[in-house]
N, C-alpha and C. Protein backbone atom coordinates (compact mmCIF):
# COMPACT_ATOMS: atom_id res chain seq x y z
N UNK A 1 -73.28 -7.64 32.29
CA UNK A 1 -71.73 -7.70 33.14
C UNK A 1 -70.77 -8.72 32.06
N UNK A 2 -71.23 -9.34 31.05
CA UNK A 2 -70.51 -10.15 30.12
C UNK A 2 -70.21 -9.21 28.92
N UNK A 3 -71.06 -8.04 28.89
CA UNK A 3 -70.89 -7.45 27.20
C UNK A 3 -69.97 -6.65 27.62
N UNK A 4 -69.27 -6.36 29.38
CA UNK A 4 -68.79 -5.31 29.74
C UNK A 4 -67.25 -5.91 29.39
N UNK A 5 -67.33 -7.10 30.12
CA UNK A 5 -66.11 -8.13 29.84
C UNK A 5 -65.61 -8.42 28.35
N UNK A 6 -66.22 -8.52 27.66
CA UNK A 6 -66.23 -9.04 26.44
C UNK A 6 -65.51 -7.46 25.32
N UNK A 7 -66.39 -6.70 25.80
CA UNK A 7 -65.47 -5.22 25.71
C UNK A 7 -63.98 -4.70 25.99
N UNK A 8 -64.00 -5.78 27.34
CA UNK A 8 -62.88 -4.97 27.70
C UNK A 8 -61.80 -5.43 27.35
N UNK A 9 -62.22 -6.80 27.16
CA UNK A 9 -61.12 -8.00 26.74
C UNK A 9 -61.17 -7.65 25.22
N UNK A 10 -61.51 -7.28 24.52
CA UNK A 10 -61.31 -6.90 22.82
C UNK A 10 -60.31 -5.47 22.93
N UNK A 11 -61.18 -4.38 23.49
CA UNK A 11 -60.32 -2.95 23.41
C UNK A 11 -59.55 -3.00 24.50
N UNK A 12 -59.46 -3.46 25.39
CA UNK A 12 -58.39 -3.03 26.18
C UNK A 12 -58.79 -2.77 28.10
N UNK A 13 -58.25 -3.45 29.06
CA UNK A 13 -58.18 -3.52 30.37
C UNK A 13 -59.06 -2.03 30.99
N UNK A 14 -60.06 -2.00 31.36
CA UNK A 14 -60.51 -0.57 32.14
C UNK A 14 -60.89 0.26 31.07
N UNK A 15 -61.34 -0.46 30.17
CA UNK A 15 -62.23 0.73 28.77
C UNK A 15 -63.42 1.06 29.24
N UNK A 16 -64.24 0.00 30.05
CA UNK A 16 -65.54 0.40 30.55
C UNK A 16 -65.32 -0.32 32.13
N UNK A 17 -65.94 0.36 32.79
CA UNK A 17 -66.09 0.21 34.33
C UNK A 17 -67.33 0.69 34.96
N UNK A 18 -67.27 0.14 36.43
CA UNK A 18 -68.96 1.32 36.85
C UNK A 18 -67.90 2.19 37.56
N UNK A 19 -68.84 3.53 37.83
CA UNK A 19 -68.21 4.86 38.50
C UNK A 19 -67.95 4.49 39.72
N UNK A 20 -68.87 4.01 40.69
CA UNK A 20 -68.52 3.50 41.85
C UNK A 20 -67.28 2.98 42.16
N UNK A 21 -66.29 2.41 41.65
CA UNK A 21 -65.17 1.89 41.63
C UNK A 21 -63.93 2.61 41.74
N UNK A 22 -64.35 3.83 41.05
CA UNK A 22 -63.14 4.53 41.50
C UNK A 22 -62.49 5.46 40.37
N UNK A 23 -61.78 6.43 40.21
CA UNK A 23 -60.93 6.62 39.44
C UNK A 23 -59.92 7.44 39.88
N UNK A 24 -58.73 6.81 39.39
CA UNK A 24 -57.39 6.96 39.58
C UNK A 24 -56.59 8.30 38.88
N UNK A 25 -56.69 9.72 38.93
CA UNK A 25 -56.21 10.94 38.37
C UNK A 25 -54.66 10.35 38.53
N UNK A 26 -53.83 10.37 37.53
CA UNK A 26 -52.26 10.78 37.41
C UNK A 26 -52.20 12.19 37.13
N UNK A 27 -53.01 12.83 36.74
CA UNK A 27 -52.60 14.74 36.81
C UNK A 27 -53.27 15.99 38.00
N UNK A 28 -52.97 16.87 37.47
CA UNK A 28 -53.69 17.63 38.57
C UNK A 28 -53.57 18.85 37.91
N UNK A 29 -54.34 19.88 38.08
CA UNK A 29 -54.63 21.26 37.28
C UNK A 29 -53.06 21.83 37.66
N UNK A 30 -52.88 22.88 36.89
CA UNK A 30 -51.60 23.81 37.39
C UNK A 30 -52.42 24.76 37.51
N UNK A 31 -52.30 25.13 38.74
CA UNK A 31 -53.13 26.70 39.66
C UNK A 31 -52.35 27.69 38.65
N UNK A 32 -50.83 27.63 38.44
CA UNK A 32 -50.69 29.26 37.79
C UNK A 32 -50.82 29.24 36.71
N UNK A 33 -51.20 28.58 35.49
CA UNK A 33 -51.79 28.90 34.27
C UNK A 33 -52.73 29.07 34.19
N UNK A 34 -54.12 29.41 35.49
CA UNK A 34 -55.38 29.53 35.22
C UNK A 34 -55.32 31.18 34.99
N UNK A 35 -56.17 31.72 34.36
CA UNK A 35 -56.99 32.91 33.82
C UNK A 35 -57.31 33.42 34.64
N UNK A 36 -56.91 35.15 34.84
CA UNK A 36 -57.28 35.90 36.12
C UNK A 36 -59.17 35.87 36.23
N UNK A 37 -59.52 36.18 36.87
CA UNK A 37 -61.16 36.01 36.96
C UNK A 37 -61.47 37.89 36.94
N UNK A 38 -61.22 38.24 35.91
CA UNK A 38 -61.96 39.73 35.70
C UNK A 38 -63.52 39.14 35.21
N UNK A 39 -63.73 38.28 34.70
CA UNK A 39 -65.06 38.25 34.47
C UNK A 39 -66.10 37.93 35.58
N UNK A 40 -65.68 36.95 36.58
CA UNK A 40 -66.61 36.75 37.59
C UNK A 40 -66.12 37.60 38.73
N UNK A 41 -65.45 38.32 39.14
CA UNK A 41 -64.74 38.83 40.46
C UNK A 41 -65.02 40.43 39.78
N UNK A 42 -66.28 40.99 40.33
CA UNK A 42 -66.62 42.46 40.35
C UNK A 42 -65.63 43.36 40.53
N UNK A 43 -64.93 42.66 42.12
CA UNK A 43 -63.86 44.01 42.77
C UNK A 43 -62.66 43.77 41.51
N UNK A 44 -62.38 43.02 40.48
CA UNK A 44 -61.30 43.18 39.76
C UNK A 44 -61.26 43.66 38.47
N UNK A 45 -62.79 44.23 38.31
CA UNK A 45 -62.63 44.80 36.72
C UNK A 45 -61.74 46.09 37.13
N UNK A 46 -61.62 45.99 35.55
CA UNK A 46 -60.64 47.73 35.50
C UNK A 46 -61.50 48.90 36.07
N UNK A 47 -61.45 49.91 36.25
CA UNK A 47 -61.71 51.15 36.71
C UNK A 47 -61.59 52.15 35.71
N UNK A 48 -62.46 52.42 34.32
CA UNK A 48 -62.40 53.66 33.45
C UNK A 48 -62.73 54.79 33.60
N UNK A 49 -62.15 56.27 33.35
CA UNK A 49 -63.02 57.38 33.55
C UNK A 49 -62.90 57.80 32.21
N UNK A 50 -64.07 58.63 31.74
CA UNK A 50 -64.22 59.09 30.17
C UNK A 50 -64.08 60.80 31.03
N UNK A 51 -63.18 61.72 29.97
CA UNK A 51 -63.43 62.98 30.32
C UNK A 51 -64.37 63.92 28.99
């Protein structure tokens, strides 16, 4: 605990913390920028016919 306190005081507050204390996210993913699931959804694959 004293090693964590020492590093946090030198480097910056909340640099090291226990994961059980939780992380507050200030961002979220933008779903409109997601790529289409062509490689994971067989129903969305294009059908190509060769003559």
